[in-house]
Amino acid sequence: MSISRQAAHERFGQAERDFRERFLRAWLQPARADELLTSTDRLTHMAERLRTYIASRRDADGQLATIQLAPMSDLERSTLIARASAMLKTLATDQQVSDSDRHELELGLCRRKIELYEDLAAQDSENTELREALAGARARLAELQSS
């Protein structure tokens, strides 16, 4: 691009931060992912590209080849949880974010924590700290759902 690293950071840094925040919001609120990540025009374009990709994955008999995506690792999910927690702390004082949006994001974060803790507990059922973290996350989710 013929610009320095610092110039690129200054020019595109905010766009990257905005994308990362939209991604975290979409991860915490999957039902709103399309609204948070892309426009209608881009969704149409993405859908066409996906149709083309799927068509190219057919075998000689016309059967769709299996498409396998690797699930996120526990470390990747932990990292996203930490980033989402930091984002929620920042949003706590942001006057442009409604209380209901913050509430929905916190619900999503609790659900994601519970998913991770349950998976980890299945791997290590004797871990007391993990069981306590899971119980705490479930209690927080119940509290949020009742408010």
N, C-alpha and C. Protein backbone atom coordinates (compact mmCIF):
# COMPACT_ATOMS: atom_id res chain seq x y z
N MET A 1 0.82 -1.20 0.00
CA MET A 1 0.00 0.00 0.00
C MET A 1 0.86 1.26 0.00
N SER A 2 2.14 1.08 0.10
CA SER A 2 3.08 2.20 0.04
C SER A 2 2.91 3.20 1.17
N ILE A 3 2.52 2.72 2.35
CA ILE A 3 2.46 3.60 3.52
C ILE A 3 3.13 2.88 4.68
N SER A 4 3.57 3.65 5.64
CA SER A 4 4.27 3.06 6.78
C SER A 4 3.29 2.29 7.67
N ARG A 5 3.86 1.46 8.54
CA ARG A 5 3.05 0.70 9.49
C ARG A 5 2.24 1.65 10.38
N GLN A 6 2.89 2.70 10.87
CA GLN A 6 2.20 3.65 11.74
C GLN A 6 1.09 4.38 10.99
N ALA A 7 1.35 4.77 9.75
CA ALA A 7 0.32 5.45 8.95
C ALA A 7 -0.87 4.52 8.71
N ALA A 8 -0.59 3.25 8.45
CA ALA A 8 -1.67 2.27 8.25
C ALA A 8 -2.47 2.11 9.54
N HIS A 9 -1.76 2.05 10.67
CA HIS A 9 -2.45 1.93 11.95
C HIS A 9 -3.34 3.15 12.20
N GLU A 10 -2.82 4.33 11.94
CA GLU A 10 -3.61 5.54 12.14
C GLU A 10 -4.81 5.58 11.21
N ARG A 11 -4.61 5.10 9.99
CA ARG A 11 -5.68 5.15 9.00
C ARG A 11 -6.75 4.08 9.23
N PHE A 12 -6.31 2.86 9.59
CA PHE A 12 -7.24 1.74 9.66
C PHE A 12 -7.48 1.20 11.07
N GLY A 13 -6.78 1.73 12.06
CA GLY A 13 -6.90 1.21 13.42
C GLY A 13 -8.31 1.26 13.97
N GLN A 14 -9.01 2.36 13.76
CA GLN A 14 -10.37 2.48 14.27
C GLN A 14 -11.30 1.49 13.59
N ALA A 15 -11.11 1.29 12.29
CA ALA A 15 -11.94 0.32 11.57
C ALA A 15 -11.74 -1.08 12.14
N GLU A 16 -10.49 -1.41 12.47
CA GLU A 16 -10.21 -2.72 13.05
C GLU A 16 -10.87 -2.86 14.42
N ARG A 17 -10.75 -1.82 15.24
CA ARG A 17 -11.38 -1.86 16.58
C ARG A 17 -12.90 -1.98 16.45
N ASP A 18 -13.49 -1.25 15.49
CA ASP A 18 -14.93 -1.33 15.28
C ASP A 18 -15.35 -2.74 14.86
N PHE A 19 -14.57 -3.34 13.96
CA PHE A 19 -14.90 -4.69 13.52
C PHE A 19 -14.80 -5.68 14.69
N ARG A 20 -13.74 -5.57 15.48
CA ARG A 20 -13.57 -6.48 16.61
C ARG A 20 -14.74 -6.36 17.59
N GLU A 21 -15.21 -5.13 17.82
CA GLU A 21 -16.34 -4.95 18.73
C GLU A 21 -17.61 -5.56 18.12
N ARG A 22 -17.84 -5.34 16.82
CA ARG A 22 -19.02 -5.92 16.18
C ARG A 22 -18.97 -7.44 16.21
N PHE A 23 -17.76 -8.00 15.99
CA PHE A 23 -17.60 -9.45 16.04
C PHE A 23 -17.95 -9.98 17.43
N LEU A 24 -17.43 -9.35 18.48
CA LEU A 24 -17.73 -9.80 19.84
C LEU A 24 -19.22 -9.69 20.14
N ARG A 25 -19.83 -8.60 19.71
CA ARG A 25 -21.27 -8.44 19.92
C ARG A 25 -22.04 -9.56 19.21
N ALA A 26 -21.64 -9.87 17.99
CA ALA A 26 -22.31 -10.93 17.24
C ALA A 26 -22.10 -12.29 17.91
N TRP A 27 -20.92 -12.52 18.47
CA TRP A 27 -20.65 -13.78 19.16
C TRP A 27 -21.50 -13.89 20.42
N LEU A 28 -21.72 -12.77 21.09
CA LEU A 28 -22.53 -12.78 22.31
C LEU A 28 -24.02 -12.80 21.99
N GLN A 29 -24.40 -12.30 20.81
CA GLN A 29 -25.80 -12.24 20.42
C GLN A 29 -25.96 -12.86 19.02
N PRO A 30 -25.84 -14.17 18.90
CA PRO A 30 -25.86 -14.81 17.58
C PRO A 30 -27.11 -14.48 16.76
N ALA A 31 -28.24 -14.27 17.41
CA ALA A 31 -29.47 -13.97 16.66
C ALA A 31 -29.38 -12.63 15.93
N ARG A 32 -28.46 -11.77 16.36
CA ARG A 32 -28.31 -10.45 15.73
C ARG A 32 -27.03 -10.36 14.90
N ALA A 33 -26.36 -11.47 14.66
CA ALA A 33 -25.06 -11.45 13.99
C ALA A 33 -25.12 -10.79 12.62
N ASP A 34 -26.14 -11.13 11.83
CA ASP A 34 -26.21 -10.56 10.49
C ASP A 34 -26.35 -9.04 10.54
N GLU A 35 -27.11 -8.56 11.47
CA GLU A 35 -27.31 -7.11 11.63
C GLU A 35 -26.04 -6.42 12.11
N LEU A 36 -25.27 -7.10 12.93
CA LEU A 36 -24.09 -6.49 13.52
C LEU A 36 -22.86 -6.54 12.62
N LEU A 37 -22.80 -7.53 11.74
CA LEU A 37 -21.58 -7.73 10.97
C LEU A 37 -21.61 -7.21 9.55
N THR A 38 -22.79 -7.08 8.96
CA THR A 38 -22.79 -6.73 7.55
C THR A 38 -24.08 -6.04 7.14
N SER A 39 -24.06 -5.44 5.97
CA SER A 39 -25.23 -4.78 5.43
C SER A 39 -26.02 -5.78 4.57
N THR A 40 -27.22 -5.41 4.20
CA THR A 40 -28.06 -6.26 3.36
C THR A 40 -27.38 -6.53 2.03
N ASP A 41 -26.78 -5.50 1.43
CA ASP A 41 -26.09 -5.69 0.14
C ASP A 41 -24.96 -6.70 0.27
N ARG A 42 -24.19 -6.59 1.34
CA ARG A 42 -23.07 -7.51 1.53
C ARG A 42 -23.59 -8.92 1.82
N LEU A 43 -24.70 -9.04 2.54
CA LEU A 43 -25.27 -10.36 2.79
C LEU A 43 -25.68 -11.03 1.49
N THR A 44 -26.27 -10.26 0.58
CA THR A 44 -26.67 -10.81 -0.71
C THR A 44 -25.45 -11.31 -1.46
N HIS A 45 -24.39 -10.52 -1.48
CA HIS A 45 -23.15 -10.90 -2.14
C HIS A 45 -22.54 -12.14 -1.48
N MET A 46 -22.53 -12.17 -0.15
CA MET A 46 -21.97 -13.31 0.57
C MET A 46 -22.78 -14.57 0.29
N ALA A 47 -24.12 -14.45 0.22
CA ALA A 47 -24.97 -15.60 -0.05
C ALA A 47 -24.67 -16.16 -1.44
N GLU A 48 -24.47 -15.27 -2.42
CA GLU A 48 -24.14 -15.72 -3.77
C GLU A 48 -22.80 -16.45 -3.79
N ARG A 49 -21.82 -15.92 -3.08
CA ARG A 49 -20.51 -16.57 -3.01
C ARG A 49 -20.62 -17.93 -2.34
N LEU A 50 -21.46 -18.02 -1.30
CA LEU A 50 -21.65 -19.30 -0.60
C LEU A 50 -22.33 -20.31 -1.53
N ARG A 51 -23.33 -19.88 -2.29
CA ARG A 51 -23.98 -20.78 -3.26
C ARG A 51 -22.95 -21.31 -4.27
N THR A 52 -22.10 -20.42 -4.76
CA THR A 52 -21.07 -20.81 -5.73
C THR A 52 -20.11 -21.81 -5.10
N TYR A 53 -19.71 -21.54 -3.86
CA TYR A 53 -18.79 -22.44 -3.17
C TYR A 53 -19.42 -23.81 -2.97
N ILE A 54 -20.66 -23.84 -2.53
CA ILE A 54 -21.34 -25.12 -2.30
C ILE A 54 -21.48 -25.88 -3.61
N ALA A 55 -21.82 -25.18 -4.68
CA ALA A 55 -21.93 -25.84 -5.98
C ALA A 55 -20.60 -26.46 -6.39
N SER A 56 -19.50 -25.82 -6.06
CA SER A 56 -18.18 -26.36 -6.42
C SER A 56 -17.79 -27.55 -5.55
N ARG A 57 -18.50 -27.78 -4.47
CA ARG A 57 -18.18 -28.87 -3.54
C ARG A 57 -18.95 -30.15 -3.86
N ARG A 58 -19.65 -30.20 -4.96
CA ARG A 58 -20.40 -31.40 -5.32
C ARG A 58 -19.46 -32.41 -5.99
N ASP A 59 -19.67 -33.69 -5.67
CA ASP A 59 -18.83 -34.73 -6.28
C ASP A 59 -19.42 -35.13 -7.63
N ALA A 60 -18.82 -36.15 -8.25
CA ALA A 60 -19.24 -36.58 -9.59
C ALA A 60 -20.69 -37.03 -9.63
N ASP A 61 -21.23 -37.52 -8.50
CA ASP A 61 -22.62 -37.97 -8.44
C ASP A 61 -23.58 -36.83 -8.09
N GLY A 62 -23.04 -35.63 -7.93
CA GLY A 62 -23.89 -34.49 -7.59
C GLY A 62 -24.16 -34.36 -6.10
N GLN A 63 -23.54 -35.21 -5.30
CA GLN A 63 -23.73 -35.14 -3.84
C GLN A 63 -22.84 -34.05 -3.26
N LEU A 64 -23.37 -33.36 -2.29
CA LEU A 64 -22.60 -32.31 -1.63
C LEU A 64 -21.53 -32.92 -0.75
N ALA A 65 -20.30 -32.52 -0.98
CA ALA A 65 -19.18 -32.99 -0.15
C ALA A 65 -19.33 -32.40 1.25
N THR A 66 -18.86 -33.11 2.22
CA THR A 66 -18.94 -32.65 3.60
C THR A 66 -18.05 -31.44 3.80
N ILE A 67 -18.61 -30.43 4.42
CA ILE A 67 -17.84 -29.23 4.75
C ILE A 67 -17.66 -29.24 6.27
N GLN A 68 -16.44 -29.32 6.71
CA GLN A 68 -16.15 -29.40 8.14
C GLN A 68 -15.39 -28.17 8.59
N LEU A 69 -15.93 -27.49 9.56
CA LEU A 69 -15.22 -26.38 10.19
C LEU A 69 -14.79 -26.83 11.57
N ALA A 70 -13.57 -26.57 11.91
CA ALA A 70 -13.08 -26.96 13.24
C ALA A 70 -13.73 -26.06 14.28
N PRO A 71 -14.19 -26.64 15.38
CA PRO A 71 -14.75 -25.81 16.45
C PRO A 71 -13.63 -24.98 17.10
N MET A 72 -14.03 -23.90 17.74
CA MET A 72 -13.05 -23.08 18.45
C MET A 72 -12.46 -23.89 19.58
N SER A 73 -11.20 -23.65 19.84
CA SER A 73 -10.54 -24.32 20.97
C SER A 73 -10.98 -23.65 22.26
N ASP A 74 -10.71 -24.33 23.37
CA ASP A 74 -11.01 -23.74 24.68
C ASP A 74 -10.24 -22.44 24.87
N LEU A 75 -9.01 -22.41 24.40
CA LEU A 75 -8.20 -21.19 24.51
C LEU A 75 -8.80 -20.06 23.70
N GLU A 76 -9.25 -20.35 22.49
CA GLU A 76 -9.88 -19.32 21.66
C GLU A 76 -11.15 -18.79 22.32
N ARG A 77 -11.96 -19.68 22.87
CA ARG A 77 -13.19 -19.23 23.54
C ARG A 77 -12.85 -18.43 24.80
N SER A 78 -11.84 -18.86 25.55
CA SER A 78 -11.42 -18.11 26.74
C SER A 78 -10.96 -16.71 26.37
N THR A 79 -10.22 -16.62 25.28
CA THR A 79 -9.73 -15.32 24.82
C THR A 79 -10.90 -14.42 24.44
N LEU A 80 -11.87 -14.96 23.72
CA LEU A 80 -13.04 -14.16 23.35
C LEU A 80 -13.83 -13.73 24.58
N ILE A 81 -13.94 -14.59 25.56
CA ILE A 81 -14.64 -14.25 26.79
C ILE A 81 -13.93 -13.10 27.49
N ALA A 82 -12.60 -13.17 27.56
CA ALA A 82 -11.83 -12.09 28.20
C ALA A 82 -12.02 -10.77 27.44
N ARG A 83 -11.98 -10.83 26.13
CA ARG A 83 -12.18 -9.61 25.32
C ARG A 83 -13.59 -9.07 25.47
N ALA A 84 -14.56 -9.96 25.50
CA ALA A 84 -15.95 -9.52 25.67
C ALA A 84 -16.16 -8.90 27.04
N SER A 85 -15.53 -9.46 28.07
CA SER A 85 -15.62 -8.90 29.41
C SER A 85 -15.03 -7.50 29.45
N ALA A 86 -13.89 -7.32 28.81
CA ALA A 86 -13.26 -5.99 28.75
C ALA A 86 -14.14 -5.02 27.98
N MET A 87 -14.74 -5.48 26.89
CA MET A 87 -15.63 -4.62 26.11
C MET A 87 -16.82 -4.17 26.95
N LEU A 88 -17.40 -5.11 27.71
CA LEU A 88 -18.56 -4.76 28.55
C LEU A 88 -18.18 -3.74 29.62
N LYS A 89 -16.99 -3.85 30.17
CA LYS A 89 -16.54 -2.85 31.15
C LYS A 89 -16.45 -1.47 30.51
N THR A 90 -15.95 -1.43 29.29
CA THR A 90 -15.86 -0.15 28.56
C THR A 90 -17.25 0.39 28.26
N LEU A 91 -18.16 -0.49 27.86
CA LEU A 91 -19.52 -0.06 27.50
C LEU A 91 -20.34 0.36 28.71
N ALA A 92 -19.89 -0.02 29.90
CA ALA A 92 -20.64 0.31 31.11
C ALA A 92 -20.82 1.81 31.29
N THR A 93 -19.87 2.58 30.78
CA THR A 93 -19.95 4.03 30.93
C THR A 93 -20.25 4.75 29.62
N ASP A 94 -20.50 3.99 28.56
CA ASP A 94 -20.78 4.58 27.25
C ASP A 94 -22.24 5.00 27.19
N GLN A 95 -22.47 6.29 27.09
CA GLN A 95 -23.84 6.82 27.08
C GLN A 95 -24.59 6.48 25.79
N GLN A 96 -23.86 6.08 24.74
CA GLN A 96 -24.50 5.76 23.46
C GLN A 96 -25.04 4.33 23.43
N VAL A 97 -24.71 3.55 24.44
CA VAL A 97 -25.18 2.16 24.50
C VAL A 97 -26.32 2.09 25.51
N SER A 98 -27.45 1.57 25.08
CA SER A 98 -28.61 1.51 25.97
C SER A 98 -28.42 0.46 27.06
N ASP A 99 -29.16 0.63 28.13
CA ASP A 99 -29.12 -0.35 29.21
C ASP A 99 -29.58 -1.72 28.73
N SER A 100 -30.57 -1.74 27.84
CA SER A 100 -31.06 -3.04 27.35
C SER A 100 -30.00 -3.73 26.48
N ASP A 101 -29.24 -2.95 25.69
CA ASP A 101 -28.16 -3.55 24.90
C ASP A 101 -27.08 -4.12 25.82
N ARG A 102 -26.70 -3.36 26.85
CA ARG A 102 -25.70 -3.87 27.79
C ARG A 102 -26.20 -5.14 28.47
N HIS A 103 -27.46 -5.14 28.84
CA HIS A 103 -28.07 -6.29 29.50
C HIS A 103 -28.03 -7.52 28.58
N GLU A 104 -28.40 -7.34 27.33
CA GLU A 104 -28.38 -8.45 26.37
C GLU A 104 -26.96 -8.97 26.15
N LEU A 105 -25.99 -8.06 26.09
CA LEU A 105 -24.60 -8.48 25.92
C LEU A 105 -24.11 -9.25 27.14
N GLU A 106 -24.50 -8.80 28.31
CA GLU A 106 -24.07 -9.52 29.52
C GLU A 106 -24.72 -10.90 29.60
N LEU A 107 -25.99 -10.99 29.17
CA LEU A 107 -26.63 -12.31 29.11
C LEU A 107 -25.84 -13.23 28.18
N GLY A 108 -25.48 -12.71 27.01
CA GLY A 108 -24.70 -13.50 26.05
C GLY A 108 -23.37 -13.94 26.62
N LEU A 109 -22.71 -13.03 27.34
CA LEU A 109 -21.42 -13.36 27.95
C LEU A 109 -21.59 -14.47 28.99
N CYS A 110 -22.62 -14.39 29.80
CA CYS A 110 -22.87 -15.45 30.80
C CYS A 110 -23.12 -16.79 30.11
N ARG A 111 -23.88 -16.78 29.04
CA ARG A 111 -24.16 -18.03 28.32
C ARG A 111 -22.87 -18.62 27.75
N ARG A 112 -22.02 -17.77 27.18
CA ARG A 112 -20.76 -18.24 26.62
C ARG A 112 -19.84 -18.79 27.71
N LYS A 113 -19.82 -18.15 28.87
CA LYS A 113 -19.01 -18.66 29.99
C LYS A 113 -19.52 -20.03 30.42
N ILE A 114 -20.83 -20.16 30.53
CA ILE A 114 -21.42 -21.43 30.95
C ILE A 114 -21.07 -22.53 29.96
N GLU A 115 -21.18 -22.24 28.66
CA GLU A 115 -20.81 -23.23 27.64
C GLU A 115 -19.37 -23.72 27.84
N LEU A 116 -18.47 -22.76 28.01
CA LEU A 116 -17.06 -23.11 28.18
C LEU A 116 -16.85 -23.90 29.47
N TYR A 117 -17.39 -23.41 30.57
CA TYR A 117 -17.20 -24.09 31.86
C TYR A 117 -17.78 -25.50 31.83
N GLU A 118 -18.94 -25.68 31.17
CA GLU A 118 -19.51 -27.03 31.09
C GLU A 118 -18.61 -27.96 30.29
N ASP A 119 -18.07 -27.45 29.18
CA ASP A 119 -17.15 -28.28 28.38
C ASP A 119 -15.89 -28.63 29.17
N LEU A 120 -15.35 -27.65 29.88
CA LEU A 120 -14.15 -27.91 30.68
C LEU A 120 -14.44 -28.86 31.83
N ALA A 121 -15.62 -28.71 32.44
CA ALA A 121 -16.00 -29.59 33.56
C ALA A 121 -16.17 -31.03 33.08
N ALA A 122 -16.62 -31.20 31.86
CA ALA A 122 -16.76 -32.55 31.31
C ALA A 122 -15.39 -33.21 31.16
N GLN A 123 -14.37 -32.40 30.95
CA GLN A 123 -13.00 -32.91 30.79
C GLN A 123 -12.32 -33.14 32.14
N ASP A 124 -12.73 -32.36 33.16
CA ASP A 124 -12.08 -32.43 34.47
C ASP A 124 -13.13 -32.23 35.56
N SER A 125 -13.87 -33.29 35.83
CA SER A 125 -15.00 -33.19 36.77
C SER A 125 -14.57 -32.99 38.22
N GLU A 126 -13.30 -33.18 38.52
CA GLU A 126 -12.82 -33.04 39.90
C GLU A 126 -12.34 -31.61 40.22
N ASN A 127 -12.33 -30.73 39.25
CA ASN A 127 -11.81 -29.38 39.43
C ASN A 127 -12.82 -28.52 40.20
N THR A 128 -12.52 -28.27 41.48
CA THR A 128 -13.42 -27.52 42.34
C THR A 128 -13.57 -26.07 41.89
N GLU A 129 -12.48 -25.42 41.52
CA GLU A 129 -12.54 -24.03 41.07
C GLU A 129 -13.43 -23.89 39.84
N LEU A 130 -13.33 -24.83 38.96
CA LEU A 130 -14.13 -24.81 37.75
C LEU A 130 -15.61 -25.00 38.07
N ARG A 131 -15.92 -25.91 38.96
CA ARG A 131 -17.32 -26.12 39.36
C ARG A 131 -17.88 -24.87 40.02
N GLU A 132 -17.05 -24.18 40.83
CA GLU A 132 -17.49 -22.93 41.47
C GLU A 132 -17.71 -21.83 40.43
N ALA A 133 -16.83 -21.75 39.44
CA ALA A 133 -16.99 -20.76 38.37
C ALA A 133 -18.27 -21.02 37.59
N LEU A 134 -18.55 -22.29 37.31
CA LEU A 134 -19.77 -22.67 36.59
C LEU A 134 -21.00 -22.30 37.42
N ALA A 135 -20.98 -22.61 38.69
CA ALA A 135 -22.11 -22.27 39.55
C ALA A 135 -22.31 -20.76 39.62
N GLY A 136 -21.21 -20.01 39.70
CA GLY A 136 -21.30 -18.56 39.73
C GLY A 136 -21.87 -17.99 38.44
N ALA A 137 -21.45 -18.54 37.31
CA ALA A 137 -21.96 -18.07 36.02
C ALA A 137 -23.45 -18.40 35.87
N ARG A 138 -23.84 -19.57 36.33
CA ARG A 138 -25.27 -19.93 36.27
C ARG A 138 -26.11 -19.04 37.17
N ALA A 139 -25.58 -18.73 38.35
CA ALA A 139 -26.30 -17.84 39.26
C ALA A 139 -26.43 -16.44 38.66
N ARG A 140 -25.36 -15.96 38.05
CA ARG A 140 -25.40 -14.63 37.41
C ARG A 140 -26.39 -14.61 36.26
N LEU A 141 -26.44 -15.69 35.47
CA LEU A 141 -27.39 -15.76 34.37
C LEU A 141 -28.83 -15.72 34.91
N ALA A 142 -29.10 -16.48 35.95
CA ALA A 142 -30.44 -16.48 36.55
C ALA A 142 -30.80 -15.08 37.06
N GLU A 143 -29.84 -14.42 37.67
CA GLU A 143 -30.05 -13.06 38.17
C GLU A 143 -30.36 -12.10 37.02
N LEU A 144 -29.60 -12.19 35.94
CA LEU A 144 -29.84 -11.33 34.78
C LEU A 144 -31.17 -11.61 34.12
N GLN A 145 -31.55 -12.88 34.06
CA GLN A 145 -32.82 -13.23 33.42
C GLN A 145 -34.02 -12.77 34.23
N SER A 146 -33.83 -12.63 35.53
CA SER A 146 -34.95 -12.20 36.37
C SER A 146 -35.07 -10.68 36.45
N SER A 147 -34.06 -9.98 35.96
CA SER A 147 -34.14 -8.50 36.04
C SER A 147 -34.59 -7.88 34.75
